[in-house]
Amino acid sequence: MSHLKRVVSHRSIRIVAGLAVLAVVALGMRQLDASRTPASGIGVHTAESAVPVTAAIATRQDVPDIVYATGNVQSIDAVSIEPRVTGTIEKIEFAPGQDVNKDQELFLIDPRPYQAALDQAKAQLAHDQGVLEEAQVDLARYQTLEKQKSIAAQTAQDQVYVVQQDKGTVQLDQANVETAQLNLAYCHITSPIAGRAGTLQVDLGNLVGPAAGQAGGATGSASVGQAAPGSGGATSSSGGLVSIVQLQPIYVNFSIPQTVLDQVIENQAKGALEVTASSQAGKRLGAGKLTVINNQVSTATGTATLQATFANAGDVLWPGEYVSVQLAVGMRRNVVTVPASAVMVGPNGDYVYLIGAANKVKRVDVRQAARQGGISVISSGISAGQKVVATGQYRLDNGTQVAIQQTTVPHEAQRATAGAGSTAAEDRP
């Protein structure tokens, strides 16, 4: 038994010793790893601390000097088609929303009562012309008898007055014929302009007539004619039948601050300035020319109203629509530009992050002369050829190292935003 105990004791000692050796080796390995970790960790930390950004190179170029405004589209001609005579609608000769031509017939009012009135007026004229001719023959005979002293002079003179009265009657009849002809023509309602028809305000068979108190105007517009014989002057519908608006060309009205009015007037005298219109969603709708500068400045707003004319070939501008307007009042020549996203706004003004050696950034104060079309015009602070951070600035500070993902130039940013809608607040002189 004592021998067995000694063997077990020796085996335990060896096991303990082996475990101690393993512990020492493990501790040494851990210390070795620990001694290596700081150096390795520094390298990893440096790679992770490089902030990913996109960069841009400041470039010199010519930049249009743009004034931004909100404009309202206005039709050059817009009319409300109204009846001039009373009667029932017999024909509607167009479709709502259809383009119509000038003098195209739109409606036909029952012409039969007016044709009958014209026939009656012509008959009365023919009768009274016969009476006049008879009176003129009598006058010639009386004048001959007067010269022969066969009748009293007063009788011949009375016949002169009869002829004059008959002439007046004939003239009145002629006027009545003309009126009847005009009323008959008014049964054919035509469009005074070429344009787009709106929605119908009447239906086939409606009894229509001129609105009370209206008179005059061109064919197809509101005026007082005469009620159809037998109608009693009553109508089931009075006023506009349909509206017609001209779409090509078309106006856009907008206002600009009085501070740039002198520049606009000066450059407009050299040639019509270009005006671009975009939808509220930013889609380019077309380009036109400045045609009218209003003759006064609003004392309430300090703005001047301008009017531009657009060809509107695709009918993309609609009367009453609000659009974003860009007026090119001049050109900034050979100026330093960067993408607008590169310029940050701080408590002390605008600044950019300049990328230097080892891709470390430095915050530099700048001054913007303008901000438009996706680019910023820089008047001081940086020079052409310098590299700045375009996006990703919010994690940066002086001395931060960056990892450049992409490099652009300002004109590329400008093309990317070409045609995008802008607001007046974006123009920052």
Protein backbone atom coordinates (compact mmCIF):
# COMPACT_ATOMS: atom_id res chain seq x y z
CA MET A 1 0.00 0.00 0.00
CA SER A 2 2.81 2.42 0.81
CA HIS A 3 4.35 1.75 -2.62
CA LEU A 4 1.03 2.51 -4.32
CA LYS A 5 0.69 5.78 -2.41
CA ARG A 6 4.18 6.88 -3.45
CA VAL A 7 3.39 6.22 -7.15
CA VAL A 8 0.18 8.22 -6.96
CA SER A 9 1.97 11.04 -5.15
CA HIS A 10 4.70 11.25 -7.79
CA ARG A 11 2.10 11.20 -10.60
CA SER A 12 0.15 14.05 -8.97
CA ILE A 13 3.29 16.10 -8.64
CA ARG A 14 4.04 15.64 -12.34
CA ILE A 15 0.51 16.63 -13.29
CA VAL A 16 0.62 19.75 -11.13
CA ALA A 17 4.00 20.66 -12.56
CA GLY A 18 2.73 20.20 -16.10
CA LEU A 19 -0.26 22.37 -15.43
CA ALA A 20 1.99 25.05 -13.96
CA VAL A 21 4.17 24.99 -17.07
CA LEU A 22 1.12 25.31 -19.32
CA ALA A 23 -0.12 28.23 -17.24
CA VAL A 24 3.23 29.98 -17.56
CA VAL A 25 3.28 29.43 -21.34
CA ALA A 26 -0.29 30.73 -21.72
CA LEU A 27 0.52 33.80 -19.64
CA GLY A 28 3.58 34.45 -21.75
CA MET A 29 1.59 34.14 -24.96
CA ARG A 30 -1.04 36.52 -23.61
CA GLN A 31 1.59 39.08 -22.65
CA LEU A 32 3.17 38.72 -26.08
CA ASP A 33 -0.19 39.32 -27.77
CA ALA A 34 -0.83 42.24 -25.47
CA SER A 35 2.53 43.73 -26.36
CA ARG A 36 1.68 43.45 -30.05
CA THR A 37 -1.93 44.70 -29.82
CA PRO A 38 -1.22 48.44 -29.35
CA ALA A 39 0.90 48.70 -32.49
CA SER A 40 -1.59 46.64 -34.50
CA GLY A 41 -4.54 48.54 -33.01
CA ILE A 42 -3.05 51.87 -34.06
CA GLY A 43 -3.02 50.76 -37.66
CA VAL A 44 -6.61 49.55 -37.56
CA HIS A 45 -7.84 52.68 -35.82
CA THR A 46 -6.18 54.89 -38.42
CA ALA A 47 -7.90 53.07 -41.27
CA GLU A 48 -11.29 53.25 -39.59
CA SER A 49 -10.92 56.94 -38.65
CA ALA A 50 -10.53 58.06 -42.31
CA VAL A 51 -13.99 59.53 -42.99
CA PRO A 52 -15.43 58.64 -46.42
CA VAL A 53 -16.28 61.75 -48.47
CA THR A 54 -16.71 62.90 -52.05
CA ALA A 55 -14.41 65.65 -53.24
CA ALA A 56 -14.61 68.41 -55.85
CA ILE A 57 -12.01 70.54 -57.58
CA ALA A 58 -12.59 74.29 -57.60
CA THR A 59 -12.84 75.38 -61.23
CA ARG A 60 -12.96 78.67 -63.12
CA GLN A 61 -15.84 79.06 -65.57
CA ASP A 62 -18.48 81.44 -66.88
CA VAL A 63 -21.68 81.31 -64.84
CA PRO A 64 -25.04 82.87 -65.83
CA ASP A 65 -26.29 85.47 -63.38
CA ILE A 66 -29.79 84.18 -62.60
CA VAL A 67 -32.71 85.84 -60.83
CA TYR A 68 -35.26 83.37 -59.47
CA ALA A 69 -38.95 84.12 -59.11
CA THR A 70 -42.38 82.52 -59.02
CA GLY A 71 -44.39 83.16 -62.16
CA ASN A 72 -48.01 82.79 -63.20
CA VAL A 73 -49.00 81.60 -66.67
CA GLN A 74 -51.47 83.83 -68.51
CA SER A 75 -53.17 83.31 -71.86
CA ILE A 76 -52.60 86.08 -74.39
CA ASP A 77 -56.24 85.87 -75.46
CA ALA A 78 -59.09 84.35 -73.47
CA VAL A 79 -62.77 84.78 -74.31
CA SER A 80 -66.07 83.61 -72.94
CA ILE A 81 -68.36 82.65 -75.79
CA GLU A 82 -71.85 84.06 -75.15
CA PRO A 83 -75.02 84.22 -77.24
CA ARG A 84 -76.22 87.48 -78.78
CA VAL A 85 -79.69 86.29 -79.66
CA THR A 86 -82.26 84.16 -77.90
CA GLY A 87 -83.09 80.69 -79.11
CA THR A 88 -82.55 76.98 -78.65
CA ILE A 89 -79.19 75.31 -79.32
CA GLU A 90 -79.64 73.21 -82.46
CA LYS A 91 -76.02 72.14 -82.98
CA ILE A 92 -72.81 71.92 -80.97
CA GLU A 93 -70.07 71.70 -83.57
CA PHE A 94 -66.95 71.00 -81.49
CA ALA A 95 -65.79 68.77 -78.64
CA PRO A 96 -64.85 70.15 -75.20
CA GLY A 97 -61.08 70.30 -74.81
CA GLN A 98 -60.61 70.49 -78.57
CA ASP A 99 -58.43 73.03 -80.38
CA VAL A 100 -60.57 75.38 -82.44
CA ASN A 101 -59.65 77.79 -85.21
CA LYS A 102 -60.45 81.45 -85.55
CA ASP A 103 -63.96 81.95 -87.06
CA GLN A 104 -64.77 78.25 -86.62
CA GLU A 105 -68.49 77.72 -85.95
CA LEU A 106 -69.13 76.39 -82.44
CA PHE A 107 -72.90 76.57 -81.91
CA LEU A 108 -75.99 76.98 -84.04
CA ILE A 109 -79.04 78.65 -82.50
CA ASP A 110 -82.35 77.87 -84.23
CA PRO A 111 -82.25 80.38 -87.14
CA ARG A 112 -85.84 80.00 -88.40
CA PRO A 113 -87.44 82.81 -86.36
CA TYR A 114 -84.67 85.18 -87.45
CA GLN A 115 -84.93 84.11 -91.08
CA ALA A 116 -88.65 84.88 -90.91
CA ALA A 117 -87.94 88.27 -89.35
CA LEU A 118 -85.46 89.01 -92.15
CA ASP A 119 -87.99 88.05 -94.79
CA GLN A 120 -90.57 90.34 -93.16
CA ALA A 121 -88.10 93.25 -93.04
CA LYS A 122 -87.21 92.76 -96.68
CA ALA A 123 -90.88 92.68 -97.63
CA GLN A 124 -91.56 95.90 -95.76
CA LEU A 125 -88.58 97.49 -97.46
CA ALA A 126 -89.85 96.46 -100.87
CA HIS A 127 -93.29 97.88 -100.08
CA ASP A 128 -91.98 101.19 -98.87
CA GLN A 129 -89.57 101.50 -101.79
CA GLY A 130 -92.61 101.21 -104.08
CA VAL A 131 -94.38 103.91 -102.11
CA LEU A 132 -91.32 106.13 -102.42
CA GLU A 133 -91.06 105.60 -106.16
CA GLU A 134 -94.75 106.50 -106.54
CA ALA A 135 -94.27 109.65 -104.46
CA GLN A 136 -91.26 110.64 -106.57
CA VAL A 137 -93.28 110.23 -109.79
CA ASP A 138 -96.05 112.38 -108.30
CA LEU A 139 -93.51 114.99 -107.26
CA ALA A 140 -92.13 115.23 -110.80
CA ARG A 141 -95.64 115.64 -112.22
CA TYR A 142 -96.59 118.29 -109.62
CA GLN A 143 -93.44 120.27 -110.32
CA THR A 144 -94.28 120.27 -114.04
CA LEU A 145 -97.84 121.42 -113.35
CA GLU A 146 -96.53 124.08 -111.00
CA LYS A 147 -94.36 125.51 -113.77
CA GLN A 148 -97.44 125.56 -115.98
CA LYS A 149 -99.34 127.36 -113.22
CA SER A 150 -101.84 124.50 -113.28
CA ILE A 151 -101.61 123.74 -109.51
CA ALA A 152 -100.79 125.71 -106.45
CA ALA A 153 -97.17 125.93 -105.44
CA GLN A 154 -98.12 124.62 -102.00
CA THR A 155 -99.33 121.34 -103.49
CA ALA A 156 -95.97 120.72 -105.16
CA GLN A 157 -94.12 121.64 -101.95
CA ASP A 158 -96.28 119.25 -99.90
CA GLN A 159 -95.30 116.45 -102.26
CA VAL A 160 -91.63 117.25 -101.62
CA TYR A 161 -92.27 116.55 -97.95
CA VAL A 162 -94.05 113.32 -98.76
CA VAL A 163 -91.03 112.10 -100.74
CA GLN A 164 -88.72 113.00 -97.86
CA GLN A 165 -90.92 111.06 -95.43
CA ASP A 166 -90.99 108.04 -97.72
CA LYS A 167 -87.21 108.17 -98.08
CA GLY A 168 -86.93 108.08 -94.30
CA THR A 169 -89.26 105.13 -94.13
CA VAL A 170 -87.16 103.27 -96.72
CA GLN A 171 -83.99 104.03 -94.77
CA LEU A 172 -85.62 102.71 -91.60
CA ASP A 173 -86.64 99.57 -93.48
CA GLN A 174 -83.08 99.12 -94.71
CA ALA A 175 -81.80 99.38 -91.12
CA ASN A 176 -84.37 96.80 -90.05
CA VAL A 177 -83.16 94.46 -92.80
CA GLU A 178 -79.57 94.90 -91.67
CA THR A 179 -80.56 94.19 -88.06
CA ALA A 180 -82.44 91.07 -89.11
CA GLN A 181 -79.45 89.92 -91.15
CA LEU A 182 -77.16 90.53 -88.19
CA ASN A 183 -79.42 88.60 -85.80
CA LEU A 184 -79.57 85.75 -88.30
CA ALA A 185 -75.76 85.74 -88.47
CA TYR A 186 -75.62 85.70 -84.66
CA CYS A 187 -77.39 82.34 -84.75
CA HIS A 188 -74.06 80.98 -86.01
CA ILE A 189 -71.76 81.43 -82.99
CA THR A 190 -68.10 81.37 -84.01
CA SER A 191 -64.79 81.56 -82.17
CA PRO A 192 -63.11 84.98 -82.37
CA ILE A 193 -59.68 83.42 -81.64
CA ALA A 194 -57.75 80.23 -82.19
CA GLY A 195 -57.28 78.29 -78.97
CA ARG A 196 -58.37 75.46 -76.70
CA ALA A 197 -62.05 75.03 -75.82
CA GLY A 198 -63.04 74.41 -72.22
CA THR A 199 -65.95 72.51 -70.75
CA LEU A 200 -69.47 73.04 -72.08
CA GLN A 201 -71.82 75.15 -69.97
CA VAL A 202 -74.94 74.26 -71.99
CA ASP A 203 -76.46 71.20 -73.63
CA LEU A 204 -78.08 70.59 -76.97
CA GLY A 205 -81.64 71.93 -76.96
CA ASN A 206 -81.11 74.48 -74.17
CA LEU A 207 -82.85 77.82 -74.60
CA VAL A 208 -80.12 80.45 -74.35
CA GLY A 209 -79.90 84.19 -74.70
CA PRO A 210 -77.76 87.23 -73.99
CA ALA A 211 -77.15 88.18 -70.37
CA ALA A 212 -79.13 91.22 -69.25
CA GLY A 213 -77.33 94.54 -69.58
CA GLN A 214 -74.66 93.34 -72.01
CA ALA A 215 -74.18 94.91 -75.41
CA GLY A 216 -71.60 95.22 -78.14
CA GLY A 217 -68.54 93.09 -78.73
CA ALA A 218 -67.21 90.86 -81.46
CA THR A 219 -69.00 87.93 -83.00
CA GLY A 220 -69.36 85.17 -80.48
CA SER A 221 -68.94 87.36 -77.42
CA ALA A 222 -71.71 88.68 -75.22
CA SER A 223 -74.02 91.31 -76.62
CA VAL A 224 -77.71 92.06 -76.73
CA GLY A 225 -79.38 91.06 -79.96
CA GLN A 226 -83.09 90.50 -80.05
CA ALA A 227 -85.29 87.84 -78.58
CA ALA A 228 -86.56 85.23 -80.97
CA PRO A 229 -90.09 86.08 -82.12
CA GLY A 230 -92.52 84.30 -79.86
CA SER A 231 -89.93 83.57 -77.17
CA GLY A 232 -91.10 86.35 -74.90
CA GLY A 233 -87.43 87.14 -74.14
CA ALA A 234 -87.20 84.37 -71.54
CA THR A 235 -84.17 82.07 -71.52
CA SER A 236 -83.28 78.99 -69.54
CA SER A 237 -79.60 79.84 -69.74
CA SER A 238 -77.81 83.15 -70.12
CA GLY A 239 -74.11 83.94 -70.02
CA GLY A 240 -71.11 81.95 -71.18
CA LEU A 241 -71.55 78.85 -73.30
CA VAL A 242 -67.86 77.86 -73.32
CA SER A 243 -64.48 79.51 -72.83
CA ILE A 244 -61.66 79.61 -75.39
CA VAL A 245 -58.06 80.29 -74.34
CA GLN A 246 -55.01 80.77 -76.52
CA LEU A 247 -52.14 78.44 -75.61
CA GLN A 248 -49.57 79.25 -78.31
CA PRO A 249 -47.83 81.55 -77.65
CA ILE A 250 -48.46 82.26 -73.98
CA TYR A 251 -47.37 84.72 -71.29
CA VAL A 252 -45.63 84.14 -67.96
CA ASN A 253 -45.86 87.03 -65.48
CA PHE A 254 -43.41 87.31 -62.56
CA SER A 255 -41.90 89.89 -60.23
CA ILE A 256 -38.27 90.73 -59.45
CA PRO A 257 -36.71 92.85 -56.70
CA GLN A 258 -36.17 96.49 -57.58
CA THR A 259 -32.48 96.05 -56.70
CA VAL A 260 -31.85 94.18 -59.96
CA LEU A 261 -34.23 96.20 -62.13
CA ASP A 262 -31.51 98.53 -63.46
CA GLN A 263 -29.41 95.55 -64.56
CA VAL A 264 -32.40 93.97 -66.27
CA ILE A 265 -33.29 97.18 -68.13
CA GLU A 266 -29.69 97.71 -69.22
CA ASN A 267 -29.21 94.19 -70.55
CA GLN A 268 -32.70 93.99 -72.08
CA ALA A 269 -31.78 97.03 -74.21
CA LYS A 270 -28.97 94.95 -75.77
CA GLY A 271 -31.29 92.06 -76.63
CA ALA A 272 -34.26 90.18 -75.22
CA LEU A 273 -33.21 88.31 -72.07
CA GLU A 274 -33.84 84.57 -71.80
CA VAL A 275 -36.40 83.28 -69.31
CA THR A 276 -36.76 79.62 -68.32
CA ALA A 277 -39.85 78.13 -66.70
CA SER A 278 -39.93 74.97 -64.57
CA SER A 279 -42.76 73.19 -62.84
CA GLN A 280 -43.12 73.26 -59.06
CA ALA A 281 -41.74 69.69 -59.13
CA GLY A 282 -38.59 70.88 -60.91
CA LYS A 283 -39.32 69.76 -64.49
CA ARG A 284 -38.16 72.17 -67.18
CA LEU A 285 -41.18 73.40 -69.16
CA GLY A 286 -39.58 75.65 -71.75
CA ALA A 287 -37.63 78.79 -72.54
CA GLY A 288 -38.94 82.16 -73.64
CA LYS A 289 -37.93 85.79 -74.00
CA LEU A 290 -38.56 88.77 -71.75
CA THR A 291 -40.99 91.01 -73.64
CA VAL A 292 -42.46 93.48 -71.13
CA ILE A 293 -41.01 95.40 -68.18
CA ASN A 294 -43.81 97.12 -66.29
CA ASN A 295 -43.65 100.90 -66.08
CA GLN A 296 -43.64 101.15 -62.29
CA VAL A 297 -42.40 99.48 -59.12
CA SER A 298 -44.90 98.33 -56.51
CA THR A 299 -44.55 100.54 -53.43
CA ALA A 300 -46.03 97.76 -51.28
CA THR A 301 -43.54 95.04 -52.23
CA GLY A 302 -40.61 96.86 -53.82
CA THR A 303 -40.85 94.62 -56.87
CA ALA A 304 -41.33 95.16 -60.59
CA THR A 305 -43.60 92.99 -62.71
CA LEU A 306 -42.14 91.45 -65.87
CA GLN A 307 -43.74 89.46 -68.65
CA ALA A 308 -42.10 86.81 -70.80
CA THR A 309 -43.48 85.20 -73.95
CA PHE A 310 -43.14 81.44 -74.53
CA ALA A 311 -43.82 79.60 -77.79
CA ASN A 312 -45.30 76.73 -75.73
CA ALA A 313 -45.05 74.34 -78.66
CA GLY A 314 -45.90 71.30 -76.54
CA ASP A 315 -48.77 72.97 -74.65
CA VAL A 316 -46.92 72.33 -71.37
CA LEU A 317 -47.73 75.76 -69.92
CA TRP A 318 -51.37 76.19 -68.88
CA PRO A 319 -53.15 79.44 -68.02
CA GLY A 320 -53.34 79.99 -64.27
CA GLU A 321 -50.46 77.63 -63.52
CA TYR A 322 -47.69 78.68 -61.10
CA VAL A 323 -44.15 78.01 -62.31
CA SER A 324 -40.59 78.60 -61.14
CA VAL A 325 -38.93 81.24 -63.31
CA GLN A 326 -35.24 81.79 -63.95
CA LEU A 327 -34.28 85.08 -65.61
CA ALA A 328 -30.72 85.25 -66.98
CA VAL A 329 -29.77 88.89 -66.38
CA GLY A 330 -26.08 88.59 -67.23
CA MET A 331 -22.94 86.43 -67.13
CA ARG A 332 -20.24 86.13 -64.43
CA ARG A 333 -16.99 85.64 -66.33
CA ASN A 334 -14.12 83.35 -65.25
CA VAL A 335 -15.21 82.92 -61.64
CA VAL A 336 -14.17 80.23 -59.14
CA THR A 337 -16.90 77.65 -58.64
CA VAL A 338 -17.52 74.59 -56.48
CA PRO A 339 -20.57 72.37 -56.09
CA ALA A 340 -23.15 74.07 -53.90
CA SER A 341 -23.05 71.09 -51.52
CA ALA A 342 -19.41 71.86 -50.70
CA VAL A 343 -20.26 75.15 -48.95
CA MET A 344 -21.40 74.88 -45.34
CA VAL A 345 -23.06 77.59 -43.28
CA GLY A 346 -21.60 78.28 -39.84
CA PRO A 347 -22.20 80.83 -37.08
CA ASN A 348 -19.44 83.01 -38.51
CA GLY A 349 -20.37 82.62 -42.17
CA ASP A 350 -19.79 80.19 -45.01
CA TYR A 351 -16.91 77.73 -45.07
CA VAL A 352 -15.51 74.70 -46.90
CA TYR A 353 -13.22 71.84 -45.96
CA LEU A 354 -10.02 72.04 -47.99
CA ILE A 355 -8.30 68.70 -48.62
CA GLY A 356 -4.53 68.91 -48.11
CA ALA A 357 -1.55 66.58 -47.77
CA ALA A 358 -2.22 63.03 -46.57
CA ASN A 359 -5.92 63.71 -47.25
CA LYS A 360 -6.24 65.77 -44.10
CA VAL A 361 -8.82 68.55 -44.16
CA LYS A 362 -8.70 72.15 -43.07
CA ARG A 363 -11.70 74.37 -42.49
CA VAL A 364 -11.49 77.54 -44.64
CA ASP A 365 -13.87 80.50 -44.55
CA VAL A 366 -15.19 81.58 -47.97
CA ARG A 367 -17.50 84.20 -49.46
CA GLN A 368 -20.18 83.27 -51.96
CA ALA A 369 -21.05 85.66 -54.77
CA ALA A 370 -23.97 83.50 -55.89
CA ARG A 371 -25.51 80.09 -55.34
CA GLN A 372 -27.54 78.74 -58.24
CA GLY A 373 -27.99 75.82 -60.60
CA GLY A 374 -26.23 73.39 -58.24
CA ILE A 375 -23.01 75.42 -57.99
CA SER A 376 -21.61 78.14 -55.75
CA VAL A 377 -19.60 81.07 -57.07
CA ILE A 378 -16.75 81.79 -54.64
CA SER A 379 -15.42 85.34 -54.51
CA SER A 380 -12.73 84.73 -51.86
CA GLY A 381 -11.26 82.00 -49.67
CA ILE A 382 -10.08 79.37 -52.16
CA SER A 383 -8.50 79.29 -55.61
CA ALA A 384 -9.11 77.30 -58.77
CA GLY A 385 -7.50 73.86 -58.68
CA GLN A 386 -7.85 73.31 -54.94
CA LYS A 387 -9.69 70.23 -53.74
CA VAL A 388 -12.59 70.55 -51.31
CA VAL A 389 -15.00 68.16 -49.66
CA ALA A 390 -18.29 68.05 -51.62
CA THR A 391 -20.31 65.75 -49.36
CA GLY A 392 -19.77 64.06 -46.00
CA GLN A 393 -18.67 67.15 -44.05
CA TYR A 394 -20.73 66.52 -40.91
CA ARG A 395 -18.13 64.22 -39.33
CA LEU A 396 -15.18 66.45 -40.14
CA ASP A 397 -13.01 68.83 -38.16
CA ASN A 398 -9.63 70.44 -38.66
CA GLY A 399 -7.02 67.73 -39.20
CA THR A 400 -9.48 64.89 -39.86
CA GLN A 401 -8.21 62.40 -42.41
CA VAL A 402 -10.65 61.55 -45.22
CA ALA A 403 -11.04 58.72 -47.69
CA ILE A 404 -12.07 60.17 -51.05
CA GLN A 405 -14.75 58.07 -52.70
CA GLN A 406 -15.28 60.22 -55.81
CA THR A 407 -14.03 63.50 -57.26
CA THR A 408 -16.19 65.87 -59.31
CA VAL A 409 -15.93 69.35 -60.82
CA PRO A 410 -18.58 72.09 -60.53
CA HIS A 411 -19.78 72.01 -64.15
CA GLU A 412 -20.57 68.32 -63.76
CA ALA A 413 -22.70 69.14 -60.76
CA GLN A 414 -24.34 71.90 -62.78
CA ARG A 415 -25.24 69.52 -65.60
CA ALA A 416 -26.62 67.05 -63.11
CA THR A 417 -29.05 69.67 -61.85
CA ALA A 418 -29.83 71.26 -65.23
CA GLY A 419 -33.52 71.98 -65.55
CA ALA A 420 -34.20 71.44 -61.86
CA GLY A 421 -36.54 73.92 -60.27
CA SER A 422 -35.02 76.49 -57.92
CA THR A 423 -36.42 78.99 -55.52
CA ALA A 424 -35.71 82.63 -55.05
CA ALA A 425 -34.06 81.83 -51.74
CA GLU A 426 -31.40 79.86 -53.60
CA ASP A 427 -30.04 82.96 -55.30
CA ARG A 428 -27.66 84.44 -52.78
CA PRO A 429 -25.73 87.49 -54.04
